[in-house]
Structures are given as structure tokens and as C-alpha cells.
Amino acid sequence: MKRVRRIRSTYPEAKAQELAIKEAAAAYGIECEVVNVREAKDRLSGLLDRAANGEQIVITSDGRPKAMIVRYRPKIIGAKWVSHRALREKTPISEDSTPIIRAERDSGY
């Protein structure tokens, strides 16, 4: 059986702010869990596993959101891949390619 831990509210507004954070996230269609710093420190590996599965966790300090744990999405940068077939179709083919090569060379690429 899984135990659910309650927020240790050292500040009386912590519970109200947790609700405000969840409502603000719900306005954007995001469901998240709010955890304070001490609780996050105690359960970090479990929170990381849950974030890897797609959950979003907000970490608060003094009842205010400070950080968010989300699933890692690598940033893909660079030019879009173009197949060689597209390159071949774009390049005109003739019996003698000398005029094409000279025109490309003289254009300065």
C-alpha cells in the first residue's frame, strides 16, 4: 500500500498557495503535483522517475514555486535533413555538364 505524504506546512499559506499553483497550471491544461523542498529532497529519485514518465512536479520554498521537474526532451539543432534523391531531382542532368559546372562555379556558390 502506498502512503501519501502530507505537506509539512511551516507557513499557514502553504496549503492555499499549493491550491493556487495547481489551479494556475490547470488553466493551461497541465496537471502537476506540488512538493516542498524538504519533501523533494527526501523523495528525489522517486520524483525523477515520475517526471521521466511524463508527470510535472512543482517544487516550492516558503509556499512559493521555485522550480519544476519535467521530462527531459533533447533539443535538436541543425539543418533539416535532405535526401540525396531530392538533391538529384533538383540538379539538371545533361550530356555535357560543363556549362552547369561553370555557371555554378562563376556564381560564387
PDB file of N, CA and C in Angstrom:
ATOM      1  N   MET A   1       0.843  -1.181   0.000  1.00  0.00           N
ATOM      2  CA  MET A   1       0.000   0.000   0.000  1.00  0.00           C
ATOM      3  C   MET A   1       0.881   1.234   0.000  1.00  0.00           C
ATOM      4  N   LYS A   2       0.546   2.170  -0.829  1.00  0.00           N
ATOM      5  CA  LYS A   2       1.329   3.383  -0.976  1.00  0.00           C
ATOM      6  C   LYS A   2       0.866   4.428   0.031  1.00  0.00           C
ATOM      7  N   ARG A   3       1.822   4.990   0.749  1.00  0.00           N
ATOM      8  CA  ARG A   3       1.481   6.045   1.696  1.00  0.00           C
ATOM      9  C   ARG A   3       1.559   7.400   1.018  1.00  0.00           C
ATOM     10  N   VAL A   4       0.578   8.233   1.264  1.00  0.00           N
ATOM     11  CA  VAL A   4       0.568   9.580   0.734  1.00  0.00           C
ATOM     12  C   VAL A   4       1.055  10.508   1.831  1.00  0.00           C
ATOM     13  N   ARG A   5       2.112  11.265   1.504  1.00  0.00           N
ATOM     14  CA  ARG A   5       2.664  12.174   2.499  1.00  0.00           C
ATOM     15  C   ARG A   5       2.003  13.527   2.376  1.00  0.00           C
ATOM     16  N   ARG A   6       1.713  14.106   3.486  1.00  0.00           N
ATOM     17  CA  ARG A   6       1.109  15.434   3.528  1.00  0.00           C
ATOM     18  C   ARG A   6       2.202  16.490   3.508  1.00  0.00           C
ATOM     19  N   ILE A   7       1.859  17.675   3.052  1.00  0.00           N
ATOM     20  CA  ILE A   7       2.806  18.788   3.051  1.00  0.00           C
ATOM     21  C   ILE A   7       3.024  19.234   4.478  1.00  0.00           C
ATOM     22  N   ARG A   8       4.287  19.378   4.827  1.00  0.00           N
ATOM     23  CA  ARG A   8       4.602  19.932   6.147  1.00  0.00           C
ATOM     24  C   ARG A   8       4.529  21.442   6.029  1.00  0.00           C
ATOM     25  N   SER A   9       3.450  21.999   6.442  1.00  0.00           N
ATOM     26  CA  SER A   9       3.273  23.433   6.248  1.00  0.00           C
ATOM     27  C   SER A   9       3.820  24.202   7.444  1.00  0.00           C
ATOM     28  N   THR A  10       5.004  24.744   7.257  1.00  0.00           N
ATOM     29  CA  THR A  10       5.562  25.593   8.297  1.00  0.00           C
ATOM     30  C   THR A  10       4.951  26.985   8.185  1.00  0.00           C
ATOM     31  N   TYR A  11       4.381  27.254   7.013  1.00  0.00           N
ATOM     32  CA  TYR A  11       3.723  28.534   6.795  1.00  0.00           C
ATOM     33  C   TYR A  11       2.240  28.268   6.565  1.00  0.00           C
ATOM     34  N   PRO A  12       1.360  29.026   7.198  1.00  0.00           N
ATOM     35  CA  PRO A  12      -0.075  28.750   7.059  1.00  0.00           C
ATOM     36  C   PRO A  12      -0.584  28.908   5.629  1.00  0.00           C
ATOM     37  N   GLU A  13       0.057  29.749   4.833  1.00  0.00           N
ATOM     38  CA  GLU A  13      -0.423  29.969   3.477  1.00  0.00           C
ATOM     39  C   GLU A  13       0.084  28.905   2.503  1.00  0.00           C
ATOM     40  N   ALA A  14       0.879  27.951   2.977  1.00  0.00           N
ATOM     41  CA  ALA A  14       1.457  26.941   2.083  1.00  0.00           C
ATOM     42  C   ALA A  14       0.381  26.122   1.388  1.00  0.00           C
ATOM     43  N   LYS A  15      -0.638  25.696   2.120  1.00  0.00           N
ATOM     44  CA  LYS A  15      -1.698  24.884   1.530  1.00  0.00           C
ATOM     45  C   LYS A  15      -2.501  25.694   0.515  1.00  0.00           C
ATOM     46  N   ALA A  16      -2.794  26.956   0.835  1.00  0.00           N
ATOM     47  CA  ALA A  16      -3.548  27.802  -0.085  1.00  0.00           C
ATOM     48  C   ALA A  16      -2.739  28.080  -1.341  1.00  0.00           C
ATOM     49  N   GLN A  17      -1.437  28.271  -1.185  1.00  0.00           N
ATOM     50  CA  GLN A  17      -0.603  28.540  -2.361  1.00  0.00           C
ATOM     51  C   GLN A  17      -0.459  27.293  -3.226  1.00  0.00           C
ATOM     52  N   GLU A  18      -0.448  26.119  -2.599  1.00  0.00           N
ATOM     53  CA  GLU A  18      -0.392  24.880  -3.374  1.00  0.00           C
ATOM     54  C   GLU A  18      -1.621  24.774  -4.262  1.00  0.00           C
ATOM     55  N   LEU A  19      -2.776  25.099  -3.717  1.00  0.00           N
ATOM     56  CA  LEU A  19      -4.008  25.069  -4.488  1.00  0.00           C
ATOM     57  C   LEU A  19      -3.971  26.095  -5.624  1.00  0.00           C
ATOM     58  N   ALA A  20      -3.442  27.278  -5.349  1.00  0.00           N
ATOM     59  CA  ALA A  20      -3.339  28.322  -6.375  1.00  0.00           C
ATOM     60  C   ALA A  20      -2.418  27.889  -7.508  1.00  0.00           C
ATOM     61  N   ILE A  21      -1.324  27.208  -7.173  1.00  0.00           N
ATOM     62  CA  ILE A  21      -0.385  26.732  -8.196  1.00  0.00           C
ATOM     63  C   ILE A  21      -1.060  25.682  -9.072  1.00  0.00           C
ATOM     64  N   LYS A  22      -1.786  24.753  -8.451  1.00  0.00           N
ATOM     65  CA  LYS A  22      -2.467  23.708  -9.212  1.00  0.00           C
ATOM     66  C   LYS A  22      -3.553  24.297 -10.110  1.00  0.00           C
ATOM     67  N   GLU A  23      -4.284  25.292  -9.604  1.00  0.00           N
ATOM     68  CA  GLU A  23      -5.333  25.925 -10.411  1.00  0.00           C
ATOM     69  C   GLU A  23      -4.742  26.685 -11.590  1.00  0.00           C
ATOM     70  N   ALA A  24      -3.619  27.373 -11.364  1.00  0.00           N
ATOM     71  CA  ALA A  24      -2.975  28.111 -12.450  1.00  0.00           C
ATOM     72  C   ALA A  24      -2.487  27.152 -13.533  1.00  0.00           C
ATOM     73  N   ALA A  25      -1.949  26.013 -13.130  1.00  0.00           N
ATOM     74  CA  ALA A  25      -1.484  25.021 -14.101  1.00  0.00           C
ATOM     75  C   ALA A  25      -2.669  24.405 -14.836  1.00  0.00           C
ATOM     76  N   ALA A  26      -3.771  24.171 -14.121  1.00  0.00           N
ATOM     77  CA  ALA A  26      -4.952  23.579 -14.742  1.00  0.00           C
ATOM     78  C   ALA A  26      -5.566  24.506 -15.783  1.00  0.00           C
ATOM     79  N   ALA A  27      -5.398  25.806 -15.613  1.00  0.00           N
ATOM     80  CA  ALA A  27      -5.913  26.761 -16.594  1.00  0.00           C
ATOM     81  C   ALA A  27      -5.246  26.565 -17.952  1.00  0.00           C
ATOM     82  N   TYR A  28      -4.022  26.051 -17.957  1.00  0.00           N
ATOM     83  CA  TYR A  28      -3.304  25.766 -19.199  1.00  0.00           C
ATOM     84  C   TYR A  28      -3.402  24.300 -19.597  1.00  0.00           C
ATOM     85  N   GLY A  29      -4.207  23.530 -18.886  1.00  0.00           N
ATOM     86  CA  GLY A  29      -4.373  22.118 -19.200  1.00  0.00           C
ATOM     87  C   GLY A  29      -3.236  21.250 -18.710  1.00  0.00           C
ATOM     88  N   ILE A  30      -2.492  21.730 -17.712  1.00  0.00           N
ATOM     89  CA  ILE A  30      -1.355  20.983 -17.175  1.00  0.00           C
ATOM     90  C   ILE A  30      -1.714  20.478 -15.786  1.00  0.00           C
ATOM     91  N   GLU A  31      -1.520  19.193 -15.580  1.00  0.00           N
ATOM     92  CA  GLU A  31      -1.743  18.631 -14.246  1.00  0.00           C
ATOM     93  C   GLU A  31      -0.386  18.458 -13.580  1.00  0.00           C
ATOM     94  N   CYS A  32      -0.233  18.983 -12.379  1.00  0.00           N
ATOM     95  CA  CYS A  32       1.058  18.891 -11.710  1.00  0.00           C
ATOM     96  C   CYS A  32       0.871  18.602 -10.222  1.00  0.00           C
ATOM     97  N   GLU A  33       1.938  18.129  -9.624  1.00  0.00           N
ATOM     98  CA  GLU A  33       1.948  17.919  -8.185  1.00  0.00           C
ATOM     99  C   GLU A  33       2.855  18.976  -7.564  1.00  0.00           C
ATOM    100  N   VAL A  34       2.471  19.457  -6.401  1.00  0.00           N
ATOM    101  CA  VAL A  34       3.251  20.475  -5.713  1.00  0.00           C
ATOM    102  C   VAL A  34       3.921  19.832  -4.512  1.00  0.00           C
ATOM    103  N   VAL A  35       5.258  20.011  -4.410  1.00  0.00           N
ATOM    104  CA  VAL A  35       6.047  19.408  -3.342  1.00  0.00           C
ATOM    105  C   VAL A  35       6.967  20.479  -2.766  1.00  0.00           C
ATOM    106  N   ASN A  36       7.107  20.500  -1.435  1.00  0.00           N
ATOM    107  CA  ASN A  36       8.037  21.480  -0.872  1.00  0.00           C
ATOM    108  C   ASN A  36       9.471  20.947  -0.953  1.00  0.00           C
ATOM    109  N   VAL A  37      10.436  21.806  -0.702  1.00  0.00           N
ATOM    110  CA  VAL A  37      11.848  21.487  -0.907  1.00  0.00           C
ATOM    111  C   VAL A  37      12.287  20.303  -0.058  1.00  0.00           C
ATOM    112  N   ARG A  38      11.913  20.290   1.184  1.00  0.00           N
ATOM    113  CA  ARG A  38      12.356  19.183   2.060  1.00  0.00           C
ATOM    114  C   ARG A  38      11.790  17.850   1.614  1.00  0.00           C
ATOM    115  N   GLU A  39      10.538  17.855   1.244  1.00  0.00           N
ATOM    116  CA  GLU A  39       9.928  16.625   0.782  1.00  0.00           C
ATOM    117  C   GLU A  39      10.554  16.178  -0.544  1.00  0.00           C
ATOM    118  N   ALA A  40      10.866  17.134  -1.417  1.00  0.00           N
ATOM    119  CA  ALA A  40      11.505  16.805  -2.692  1.00  0.00           C
ATOM    120  C   ALA A  40      12.895  16.221  -2.459  1.00  0.00           C
ATOM    121  N   LYS A  41      13.601  16.749  -1.480  1.00  0.00           N
ATOM    122  CA  LYS A  41      14.937  16.235  -1.172  1.00  0.00           C
ATOM    123  C   LYS A  41      14.855  14.799  -0.674  1.00  0.00           C
ATOM    124  N   ASP A  42      13.841  14.505   0.133  1.00  0.00           N
ATOM    125  CA  ASP A  42      13.674  13.155   0.667  1.00  0.00           C
ATOM    126  C   ASP A  42      13.269  12.149  -0.411  1.00  0.00           C
ATOM    127  N   ARG A  43      12.489  12.584  -1.390  1.00  0.00           N
ATOM    128  CA  ARG A  43      11.936  11.668  -2.392  1.00  0.00           C
ATOM    129  C   ARG A  43      12.438  11.957  -3.801  1.00  0.00           C
ATOM    130  N   LEU A  44      13.632  12.496  -3.957  1.00  0.00           N
ATOM    131  CA  LEU A  44      14.109  12.954  -5.260  1.00  0.00           C
ATOM    132  C   LEU A  44      14.120  11.849  -6.313  1.00  0.00           C
ATOM    133  N   SER A  45      14.633  10.678  -6.002  1.00  0.00           N
ATOM    134  CA  SER A  45      14.715   9.626  -7.023  1.00  0.00           C
ATOM    135  C   SER A  45      13.321   9.206  -7.489  1.00  0.00           C
ATOM    136  N   GLY A  46      12.371   9.140  -6.578  1.00  0.00           N
ATOM    137  CA  GLY A  46      11.000   8.808  -6.968  1.00  0.00           C
ATOM    138  C   GLY A  46      10.369   9.892  -7.829  1.00  0.00           C
ATOM    139  N   LEU A  47      10.638  11.141  -7.482  1.00  0.00           N
ATOM    140  CA  LEU A  47      10.112  12.251  -8.274  1.00  0.00           C
ATOM    141  C   LEU A  47      10.718  12.260  -9.679  1.00  0.00           C
ATOM    142  N   LEU A  48      12.008  11.934  -9.774  1.00  0.00           N
ATOM    143  CA  LEU A  48      12.659  11.877 -11.085  1.00  0.00           C
ATOM    144  C   LEU A  48      12.063  10.770 -11.953  1.00  0.00           C
ATOM    145  N   ASP A  49      11.763   9.625 -11.344  1.00  0.00           N
ATOM    146  CA  ASP A  49      11.132   8.539 -12.097  1.00  0.00           C
ATOM    147  C   ASP A  49       9.757   8.956 -12.607  1.00  0.00           C
ATOM    148  N   ARG A  50       9.002   9.632 -11.761  1.00  0.00           N
ATOM    149  CA  ARG A  50       7.671  10.094 -12.168  1.00  0.00           C
ATOM    150  C   ARG A  50       7.763  11.140 -13.264  1.00  0.00           C
ATOM    151  N   ALA A  51       8.756  12.022 -13.183  1.00  0.00           N
ATOM    152  CA  ALA A  51       8.944  13.039 -14.224  1.00  0.00           C
ATOM    153  C   ALA A  51       9.331  12.377 -15.546  1.00  0.00           C
ATOM    154  N   ALA A  52      10.132  11.324 -15.482  1.00  0.00           N
ATOM    155  CA  ALA A  52      10.513  10.598 -16.692  1.00  0.00           C
ATOM    156  C   ALA A  52       9.302   9.953 -17.357  1.00  0.00           C
ATOM    157  N   ASN A  53       8.281   9.642 -16.571  1.00  0.00           N
ATOM    158  CA  ASN A  53       7.048   9.070 -17.112  1.00  0.00           C
ATOM    159  C   ASN A  53       6.083  10.132 -17.621  1.00  0.00           C
ATOM    160  N   GLY A  54       6.449  11.412 -17.521  1.00  0.00           N
ATOM    161  CA  GLY A  54       5.626  12.466 -18.090  1.00  0.00           C
ATOM    162  C   GLY A  54       4.925  13.367 -17.089  1.00  0.00           C
ATOM    163  N   GLU A  55       5.013  13.075 -15.803  1.00  0.00           N
ATOM    164  CA  GLU A  55       4.384  13.941 -14.808  1.00  0.00           C
ATOM    165  C   GLU A  55       5.201  15.217 -14.632  1.00  0.00           C
ATOM    166  N   GLN A  56       4.539  16.276 -14.185  1.00  0.00           N
ATOM    167  CA  GLN A  56       5.217  17.530 -13.917  1.00  0.00           C
ATOM    168  C   GLN A  56       5.092  17.837 -12.436  1.00  0.00           C
ATOM    169  N   ILE A  57       6.209  18.138 -11.807  1.00  0.00           N
ATOM    170  CA  ILE A  57       6.256  18.366 -10.369  1.00  0.00           C
ATOM    171  C   ILE A  57       6.801  19.762 -10.102  1.00  0.00           C
ATOM    172  N   VAL A  58       6.066  20.536  -9.312  1.00  0.00           N
ATOM    173  CA  VAL A  58       6.493  21.884  -8.943  1.00  0.00           C
ATOM    174  C   VAL A  58       7.085  21.819  -7.544  1.00  0.00           C
ATOM    175  N   ILE A  59       8.285  22.382  -7.386  1.00  0.00           N
ATOM    176  CA  ILE A  59       8.946  22.427  -6.074  1.00  0.00           C
ATOM    177  C   ILE A  59       8.789  23.827  -5.519  1.00  0.00           C
ATOM    178  N   THR A  60       8.312  23.893  -4.275  1.00  0.00           N
ATOM    179  CA  THR A  60       8.084  25.186  -3.640  1.00  0.00           C
ATOM    180  C   THR A  60       9.021  25.389  -2.463  1.00  0.00           C
ATOM    181  N   SER A  61       9.257  26.643  -2.159  1.00  0.00           N
ATOM    182  CA  SER A  61      10.018  27.022  -0.979  1.00  0.00           C
ATOM    183  C   SER A  61       9.261  28.170  -0.333  1.00  0.00           C
ATOM    184  N   ASP A  62       8.947  28.044   0.918  1.00  0.00           N
ATOM    185  CA  ASP A  62       8.141  29.033   1.637  1.00  0.00           C
ATOM    186  C   ASP A  62       6.782  29.223   0.972  1.00  0.00           C
ATOM    187  N   GLY A  63       6.250  28.175   0.369  1.00  0.00           N
ATOM    188  CA  GLY A  63       4.949  28.245  -0.264  1.00  0.00           C
ATOM    189  C   GLY A  63       4.950  28.864  -1.649  1.00  0.00           C
ATOM    190  N   ARG A  64       6.108  29.257  -2.154  1.00  0.00           N
ATOM    191  CA  ARG A  64       6.207  29.885  -3.476  1.00  0.00           C
ATOM    192  C   ARG A  64       6.911  28.932  -4.448  1.00  0.00           C
ATOM    193  N   PRO A  65       6.410  28.839  -5.669  1.00  0.00           N
ATOM    194  CA  PRO A  65       7.059  27.943  -6.637  1.00  0.00           C
ATOM    195  C   PRO A  65       8.461  28.425  -6.984  1.00  0.00           C
ATOM    196  N   LYS A  66       9.417  27.518  -6.934  1.00  0.00           N
ATOM    197  CA  LYS A  66      10.814  27.854  -7.236  1.00  0.00           C
ATOM    198  C   LYS A  66      11.358  27.090  -8.438  1.00  0.00           C
ATOM    199  N   ALA A  67      10.879  25.858  -8.644  1.00  0.00           N
ATOM    200  CA  ALA A  67      11.410  25.049  -9.745  1.00  0.00           C
ATOM    201  C   ALA A  67      10.351  24.051 -10.192  1.00  0.00           C
ATOM    202  N   MET A  68      10.605  23.466 -11.362  1.00  0.00           N
ATOM    203  CA  MET A  68       9.691  22.454 -11.893  1.00  0.00           C
ATOM    204  C   MET A  68      10.519  21.307 -12.449  1.00  0.00           C
ATOM    205  N   ILE A  69      10.119  20.092 -12.129  1.00  0.00           N
ATOM    206  CA  ILE A  69      10.779  18.908 -12.671  1.00  0.00           C
ATOM    207  C   ILE A  69       9.886  18.381 -13.787  1.00  0.00           C
ATOM    208  N   VAL A  70      10.439  18.296 -14.991  1.00  0.00           N
ATOM    209  CA  VAL A  70       9.697  17.806 -16.150  1.00  0.00           C
ATOM    210  C   VAL A  70      10.555  16.773 -16.880  1.00  0.00           C
ATOM    211  N   ARG A  71       9.934  16.040 -17.798  1.00  0.00           N
ATOM    212  CA  ARG A  71      10.651  15.038 -18.577  1.00  0.00           C
ATOM    213  C   ARG A  71      11.673  15.722 -19.479  1.00  0.00           C
ATOM    214  N   TYR A  72      12.814  15.102 -19.638  1.00  0.00           N
ATOM    215  CA  TYR A  72      13.883  15.637 -20.477  1.00  0.00           C
ATOM    216  C   TYR A  72      13.516  15.451 -21.942  1.00  0.00           C
ATOM    217  N   ARG A  73      13.594  16.534 -22.689  1.00  0.00           N
ATOM    218  CA  ARG A  73      13.378  16.485 -24.134  1.00  0.00           C
ATOM    219  C   ARG A  73      14.599  17.097 -24.796  1.00  0.00           C
ATOM    220  N   PRO A  74      15.396  16.282 -25.485  1.00  0.00           N
ATOM    221  CA  PRO A  74      16.613  16.830 -26.085  1.00  0.00           C
ATOM    222  C   PRO A  74      16.289  17.857 -27.156  1.00  0.00           C
ATOM    223  N   LYS A  75      17.133  18.857 -27.233  1.00  0.00           N
ATOM    224  CA  LYS A  75      16.967  19.911 -28.223  1.00  0.00           C
ATOM    225  C   LYS A  75      17.707  19.492 -29.487  1.00  0.00           C
ATOM    226  N   ILE A  76      16.986  19.417 -30.594  1.00  0.00           N
ATOM    227  CA  ILE A  76      17.588  19.015 -31.854  1.00  0.00           C
ATOM    228  C   ILE A  76      17.856  20.282 -32.656  1.00  0.00           C
ATOM    229  N   ILE A  77      19.136  20.509 -32.954  1.00  0.00           N
ATOM    230  CA  ILE A  77      19.503  21.701 -33.710  1.00  0.00           C
ATOM    231  C   ILE A  77      20.244  21.290 -34.963  1.00  0.00           C
ATOM    232  N   GLY A  78      20.266  22.177 -35.911  1.00  0.00           N
ATOM    233  CA  GLY A  78      20.971  21.906 -37.151  1.00  0.00           C
ATOM    234  C   GLY A  78      20.038  22.014 -38.334  1.00  0.00           C
ATOM    235  N   ALA A  79      20.604  21.843 -39.497  1.00  0.00           N
ATOM    236  CA  ALA A  79      19.828  21.952 -40.729  1.00  0.00           C
ATOM    237  C   ALA A  79      18.926  20.736 -40.896  1.00  0.00           C
ATOM    238  N   LYS A  80      17.808  20.956 -41.550  1.00  0.00           N
ATOM    239  CA  LYS A  80      16.885  19.868 -41.829  1.00  0.00           C
ATOM    240  C   LYS A  80      17.524  18.892 -42.806  1.00  0.00           C
ATOM    241  N   TRP A  81      17.327  17.623 -42.586  1.00  0.00           N
ATOM    242  CA  TRP A  81      17.921  16.597 -43.420  1.00  0.00           C
ATOM    243  C   TRP A  81      17.240  16.579 -44.781  1.00  0.00           C
ATOM    244  N   VAL A  82      18.037  16.524 -45.836  1.00  0.00           N
ATOM    245  CA  VAL A  82      17.520  16.456 -47.200  1.00  0.00           C
ATOM    246  C   VAL A  82      18.083  15.185 -47.827  1.00  0.00           C
ATOM    247  N   SER A  83      17.223  14.401 -48.417  1.00  0.00           N
ATOM    248  CA  SER A  83      17.688  13.147 -49.003  1.00  0.00           C
ATOM    249  C   SER A  83      18.488  13.412 -50.279  1.00  0.00           C
ATOM    250  N   HIS A  84      19.302  12.455 -50.649  1.00  0.00           N
ATOM    251  CA  HIS A  84      20.090  12.562 -51.876  1.00  0.00           C
ATOM    252  C   HIS A  84      19.179  12.525 -53.103  1.00  0.00           C
ATOM    253  N   ARG A  85      18.052  11.842 -52.970  1.00  0.00           N
ATOM    254  CA  ARG A  85      17.118  11.772 -54.085  1.00  0.00           C
ATOM    255  C   ARG A  85      16.599  13.165 -54.426  1.00  0.00           C
ATOM    256  N   ALA A  86      16.267  13.951 -53.415  1.00  0.00           N
ATOM    257  CA  ALA A  86      15.791  15.313 -53.654  1.00  0.00           C
ATOM    258  C   ALA A  86      16.880  16.152 -54.312  1.00  0.00           C
ATOM    259  N   LEU A  87      18.123  15.942 -53.907  1.00  0.00           N
ATOM    260  CA  LEU A  87      19.239  16.677 -54.500  1.00  0.00           C
ATOM    261  C   LEU A  87      19.423  16.290 -55.973  1.00  0.00           C
ATOM    262  N   ARG A  88      19.319  14.988 -56.259  1.00  0.00           N
ATOM    263  CA  ARG A  88      19.456  14.532 -57.640  1.00  0.00           C
ATOM    264  C   ARG A  88      18.325  15.065 -58.513  1.00  0.00           C
ATOM    265  N   GLU A  89      17.104  15.095 -57.976  1.00  0.00           N
ATOM    266  CA  GLU A  89      15.971  15.588 -58.755  1.00  0.00           C
ATOM    267  C   GLU A  89      16.087  17.080 -59.012  1.00  0.00           C
ATOM    268  N   LYS A  90      16.700  17.807 -58.079  1.00  0.00           N
ATOM    269  CA  LYS A  90      16.843  19.249 -58.225  1.00  0.00           C
ATOM    270  C   LYS A  90      17.925  19.615 -59.226  1.00  0.00           C
ATOM    271  N   THR A  91      18.938  18.775 -59.362  1.00  0.00           N
ATOM    272  CA  THR A  91      20.067  19.051 -60.253  1.00  0.00           C
ATOM    273  C   THR A  91      19.749  18.575 -61.663  1.00  0.00           C
ATOM    274  N   PRO A  92      19.806  19.482 -62.639  1.00  0.00           N
ATOM    275  CA  PRO A  92      19.519  19.052 -64.011  1.00  0.00           C
ATOM    276  C   PRO A  92      20.657  18.186 -64.556  1.00  0.00           C
ATOM    277  N   ILE A  93      20.293  17.174 -65.323  1.00  0.00           N
ATOM    278  CA  ILE A  93      21.291  16.266 -65.898  1.00  0.00           C
ATOM    279  C   ILE A  93      21.263  16.435 -67.412  1.00  0.00           C
ATOM    280  N   SER A  94      22.445  16.594 -67.987  1.00  0.00           N
ATOM    281  CA  SER A  94      22.544  16.708 -69.440  1.00  0.00           C
ATOM    282  C   SER A  94      23.740  15.885 -69.908  1.00  0.00           C
ATOM    283  N   GLU A  95      23.886  15.774 -71.221  1.00  0.00           N
ATOM    284  CA  GLU A  95      25.000  15.020 -71.783  1.00  0.00           C
ATOM    285  C   GLU A  95      26.331  15.629 -71.352  1.00  0.00           C
ATOM    286  N   ASP A  96      26.417  16.923 -71.466  1.00  0.00           N
ATOM    287  CA  ASP A  96      27.648  17.606 -71.106  1.00  0.00           C
ATOM    288  C   ASP A  96      27.344  18.542 -69.933  1.00  0.00           C
ATOM    289  N   SER A  97      27.907  18.265 -68.775  1.00  0.00           N
ATOM    290  CA  SER A  97      27.622  19.064 -67.580  1.00  0.00           C
ATOM    291  C   SER A  97      28.578  20.235 -67.410  1.00  0.00           C
ATOM    292  N   THR A  98      29.467  20.446 -68.371  1.00  0.00           N
ATOM    293  CA  THR A  98      30.444  21.532 -68.264  1.00  0.00           C
ATOM    294  C   THR A  98      29.784  22.899 -68.116  1.00  0.00           C
ATOM    295  N   PRO A  99      28.758  23.268 -68.891  1.00  0.00           N
ATOM    296  CA  PRO A  99      28.144  24.588 -68.718  1.00  0.00           C
ATOM    297  C   PRO A  99      27.507  24.771 -67.332  1.00  0.00           C
ATOM    298  N   ILE A 100      26.924  23.736 -66.819  1.00  0.00           N
ATOM    299  CA  ILE A 100      26.288  23.821 -65.490  1.00  0.00           C
ATOM    300  C   ILE A 100      27.352  24.024 -64.418  1.00  0.00           C
ATOM    301  N   ILE A 101      28.435  23.262 -64.513  1.00  0.00           N
ATOM    302  CA  ILE A 101      29.507  23.368 -63.521  1.00  0.00           C
ATOM    303  C   ILE A 101      30.147  24.746 -63.586  1.00  0.00           C
ATOM    304  N   ARG A 102      30.378  25.253 -64.788  1.00  0.00           N
ATOM    305  CA  ARG A 102      30.979  26.592 -64.932  1.00  0.00           C
ATOM    306  C   ARG A 102      30.048  27.674 -64.393  1.00  0.00           C
ATOM    307  N   ALA A 103      28.760  27.548 -64.657  1.00  0.00           N
ATOM    308  CA  ALA A 103      27.794  28.550 -64.177  1.00  0.00           C
ATOM    309  C   ALA A 103      27.743  28.552 -62.644  1.00  0.00           C
ATOM    310  N   GLU A 104      27.785  27.367 -62.049  1.00  0.00           N
ATOM    311  CA  GLU A 104      27.763  27.270 -60.581  1.00  0.00           C
ATOM    312  C   GLU A 104      29.048  27.810 -59.990  1.00  0.00           C
ATOM    313  N   ARG A 105      30.181  27.514 -60.633  1.00  0.00           N
ATOM    314  CA  ARG A 105      31.464  27.988 -60.158  1.00  0.00           C
ATOM    315  C   ARG A 105      31.553  29.515 -60.246  1.00  0.00           C
ATOM    316  N   ASP A 106      31.089  30.073 -61.336  1.00  0.00           N
ATOM    317  CA  ASP A 106      31.177  31.512 -61.540  1.00  0.00           C
ATOM    318  C   ASP A 106      30.171  32.302 -60.689  1.00  0.00           C
ATOM    319  N   SER A 107      29.111  31.648 -60.254  1.00  0.00           N
ATOM    320  CA  SER A 107      28.116  32.339 -59.424  1.00  0.00           C
ATOM    321  C   SER A 107      28.624  32.573 -58.017  1.00  0.00           C
ATOM    322  N   GLY A 108      29.683  31.908 -57.625  1.00  0.00           N
ATOM    323  CA  GLY A 108      30.245  32.069 -56.271  1.00  0.00           C
ATOM    324  C   GLY A 108      29.493  31.247 -55.236  1.00  0.00           C
ATOM    325  N   TYR A 109      28.812  30.230 -55.686  1.00  0.00           N
ATOM    326  CA  TYR A 109      28.041  29.322 -54.852  1.00  0.00           C
ATOM    327  C   TYR A 109      26.921  30.070 -54.211  1.00  0.00           C
TER     328      TYR A 109
END
